[in-house]
Amino acid sequence: MESNPMSATLRSPEGQDEASILREIRSALNGLKFGSVEITVHNGQVVQIERKEKFRLQPTGKTA
């Protein structure tokens, strides 16, 4: 089940090892075609991973 990219999930950074942080980053990148992943670090620890996804729409060919 995919989460809504517009929703936020609160996760505790305590006890997260490097492997779990990398899994979260990989998850944020999974399926992303256009957009960005931003990683926020405070005091040397990853505290937030934000995914921004863009959807490209094709023009219909009609002129205004």
N, C-alpha and C. Protein backbone atom coordinates (compact mmCIF):
# COMPACT_ATOMS: atom_id res chain seq x y z
N MET A 1 0.85 -1.19 0.00
CA MET A 1 0.00 0.00 0.00
C MET A 1 0.88 1.24 0.00
N GLU A 2 0.67 2.12 -0.96
CA GLU A 2 1.47 3.34 -1.06
C GLU A 2 0.85 4.43 -0.20
N SER A 3 1.71 5.24 0.42
CA SER A 3 1.21 6.35 1.21
C SER A 3 0.98 7.55 0.32
N ASN A 4 0.13 8.43 0.76
CA ASN A 4 -0.17 9.67 0.03
C ASN A 4 1.06 10.57 0.11
N PRO A 5 1.62 11.01 -1.02
CA PRO A 5 2.81 11.85 -0.98
C PRO A 5 2.59 13.19 -0.29
N MET A 6 1.33 13.58 -0.09
CA MET A 6 1.05 14.85 0.56
C MET A 6 0.91 14.69 2.08
N SER A 7 0.95 13.47 2.60
CA SER A 7 0.78 13.26 4.02
C SER A 7 2.14 13.14 4.70
N ALA A 8 2.16 13.37 5.99
CA ALA A 8 3.39 13.27 6.76
C ALA A 8 3.26 12.11 7.74
N THR A 9 4.37 11.43 7.95
CA THR A 9 4.42 10.34 8.91
C THR A 9 5.45 10.68 9.96
N LEU A 10 5.07 10.61 11.22
CA LEU A 10 5.99 10.90 12.31
C LEU A 10 6.74 9.63 12.66
N ARG A 11 8.05 9.67 12.58
CA ARG A 11 8.88 8.53 12.93
C ARG A 11 9.97 8.98 13.87
N SER A 12 10.28 8.16 14.83
CA SER A 12 11.32 8.50 15.79
C SER A 12 12.69 8.22 15.20
N PRO A 13 13.59 9.22 15.17
CA PRO A 13 14.92 8.99 14.63
C PRO A 13 15.80 8.20 15.59
N GLU A 14 15.38 8.06 16.85
CA GLU A 14 16.19 7.36 17.83
C GLU A 14 16.25 5.88 17.48
N GLY A 15 17.44 5.33 17.56
CA GLY A 15 17.62 3.92 17.31
C GLY A 15 17.69 3.56 15.83
N GLN A 16 17.61 4.55 14.95
CA GLN A 16 17.72 4.25 13.53
C GLN A 16 19.18 4.10 13.17
N ASP A 17 19.49 2.98 12.57
CA ASP A 17 20.85 2.78 12.10
C ASP A 17 20.96 3.21 10.64
N GLU A 18 22.16 3.19 10.12
CA GLU A 18 22.41 3.65 8.76
C GLU A 18 21.58 2.85 7.75
N ALA A 19 21.46 1.54 7.96
CA ALA A 19 20.71 0.69 7.03
C ALA A 19 19.24 1.09 6.97
N SER A 20 18.63 1.41 8.10
CA SER A 20 17.21 1.79 8.08
C SER A 20 17.01 3.15 7.43
N ILE A 21 17.94 4.06 7.63
CA ILE A 21 17.85 5.37 6.98
C ILE A 21 17.98 5.20 5.46
N LEU A 22 18.91 4.36 5.03
CA LEU A 22 19.08 4.11 3.60
C LEU A 22 17.84 3.44 3.01
N ARG A 23 17.18 2.57 3.76
CA ARG A 23 15.92 1.95 3.29
C ARG A 23 14.85 3.01 3.10
N GLU A 24 14.77 3.97 4.01
CA GLU A 24 13.78 5.05 3.90
C GLU A 24 14.06 5.91 2.68
N ILE A 25 15.32 6.21 2.43
CA ILE A 25 15.69 7.01 1.25
C ILE A 25 15.37 6.24 -0.02
N ARG A 26 15.71 4.97 -0.04
CA ARG A 26 15.41 4.12 -1.21
C ARG A 26 13.90 4.07 -1.44
N SER A 27 13.13 3.97 -0.38
CA SER A 27 11.67 3.95 -0.48
C SER A 27 11.14 5.25 -1.07
N ALA A 28 11.72 6.38 -0.66
CA ALA A 28 11.30 7.69 -1.18
C ALA A 28 11.62 7.81 -2.67
N LEU A 29 12.71 7.19 -3.11
CA LEU A 29 13.11 7.25 -4.51
C LEU A 29 12.35 6.26 -5.38
N ASN A 30 11.81 5.21 -4.77
CA ASN A 30 11.15 4.14 -5.52
C ASN A 30 9.98 4.68 -6.34
N GLY A 31 10.03 4.49 -7.64
CA GLY A 31 8.95 4.88 -8.53
C GLY A 31 8.91 6.36 -8.88
N LEU A 32 9.84 7.13 -8.38
CA LEU A 32 9.86 8.57 -8.66
C LEU A 32 10.40 8.81 -10.07
N LYS A 33 9.58 9.42 -10.93
CA LYS A 33 10.02 9.70 -12.30
C LYS A 33 10.43 11.16 -12.47
N PHE A 34 9.66 12.07 -11.89
CA PHE A 34 9.96 13.50 -11.93
C PHE A 34 9.77 14.04 -10.53
N GLY A 35 10.75 14.72 -9.99
CA GLY A 35 10.60 15.30 -8.66
C GLY A 35 11.93 15.33 -7.93
N SER A 36 11.85 15.34 -6.60
CA SER A 36 13.06 15.42 -5.79
C SER A 36 12.84 14.75 -4.44
N VAL A 37 13.95 14.36 -3.83
CA VAL A 37 13.96 13.84 -2.47
C VAL A 37 14.91 14.73 -1.68
N GLU A 38 14.41 15.32 -0.60
CA GLU A 38 15.21 16.22 0.24
C GLU A 38 15.45 15.55 1.58
N ILE A 39 16.71 15.51 2.01
CA ILE A 39 17.08 14.90 3.28
C ILE A 39 17.53 16.01 4.21
N THR A 40 16.88 16.14 5.36
CA THR A 40 17.20 17.17 6.34
C THR A 40 18.01 16.54 7.47
N VAL A 41 19.14 17.19 7.80
CA VAL A 41 20.03 16.69 8.84
C VAL A 41 20.17 17.75 9.92
N HIS A 42 20.06 17.35 11.19
CA HIS A 42 20.29 18.24 12.33
C HIS A 42 21.27 17.53 13.27
N ASN A 43 22.30 18.23 13.66
CA ASN A 43 23.31 17.69 14.57
C ASN A 43 23.84 16.34 14.10
N GLY A 44 24.06 16.21 12.79
CA GLY A 44 24.64 15.00 12.24
C GLY A 44 23.70 13.82 12.11
N GLN A 45 22.38 14.02 12.35
CA GLN A 45 21.42 12.94 12.23
C GLN A 45 20.33 13.31 11.24
N VAL A 46 19.93 12.33 10.44
CA VAL A 46 18.83 12.53 9.51
C VAL A 46 17.54 12.63 10.33
N VAL A 47 16.83 13.74 10.16
CA VAL A 47 15.60 13.95 10.93
C VAL A 47 14.36 14.01 10.04
N GLN A 48 14.56 14.16 8.72
CA GLN A 48 13.41 14.27 7.83
C GLN A 48 13.81 13.88 6.42
N ILE A 49 12.91 13.15 5.76
CA ILE A 49 13.08 12.82 4.35
C ILE A 49 11.79 13.24 3.66
N GLU A 50 11.91 14.15 2.71
CA GLU A 50 10.74 14.71 2.03
C GLU A 50 10.78 14.35 0.56
N ARG A 51 9.66 13.84 0.05
CA ARG A 51 9.54 13.48 -1.35
C ARG A 51 8.58 14.44 -2.03
N LYS A 52 9.04 15.06 -3.11
CA LYS A 52 8.18 15.93 -3.91
C LYS A 52 8.08 15.30 -5.29
N GLU A 53 6.86 15.00 -5.70
CA GLU A 53 6.66 14.34 -6.98
C GLU A 53 5.91 15.27 -7.91
N LYS A 54 6.37 15.32 -9.16
CA LYS A 54 5.72 16.14 -10.17
C LYS A 54 5.10 15.21 -11.21
N PHE A 55 3.95 15.59 -11.68
CA PHE A 55 3.27 14.83 -12.71
C PHE A 55 3.25 15.67 -13.97
N ARG A 56 3.82 15.15 -15.04
CA ARG A 56 3.88 15.87 -16.31
C ARG A 56 2.66 15.50 -17.12
N LEU A 57 1.93 16.51 -17.57
CA LEU A 57 0.74 16.31 -18.37
C LEU A 57 1.08 16.58 -19.83
N GLN A 58 0.57 15.76 -20.71
CA GLN A 58 0.81 15.94 -22.14
C GLN A 58 -0.22 16.91 -22.69
N PRO A 59 0.17 17.83 -23.58
CA PRO A 59 -0.81 18.73 -24.17
C PRO A 59 -1.79 17.94 -25.04
N THR A 60 -3.03 18.44 -25.09
CA THR A 60 -4.09 17.74 -25.85
C THR A 60 -4.04 18.06 -27.33
N GLY A 61 -3.26 19.05 -27.74
CA GLY A 61 -3.18 19.42 -29.13
C GLY A 61 -4.16 20.51 -29.53
N LYS A 62 -5.07 20.88 -28.62
CA LYS A 62 -6.03 21.94 -28.91
C LYS A 62 -5.40 23.29 -28.64
N THR A 63 -5.77 24.27 -29.44
CA THR A 63 -5.28 25.64 -29.23
C THR A 63 -6.41 26.47 -28.63
N ALA A 64 -6.04 27.45 -27.84
CA ALA A 64 -7.05 28.28 -27.18
C ALA A 64 -7.52 29.40 -28.06
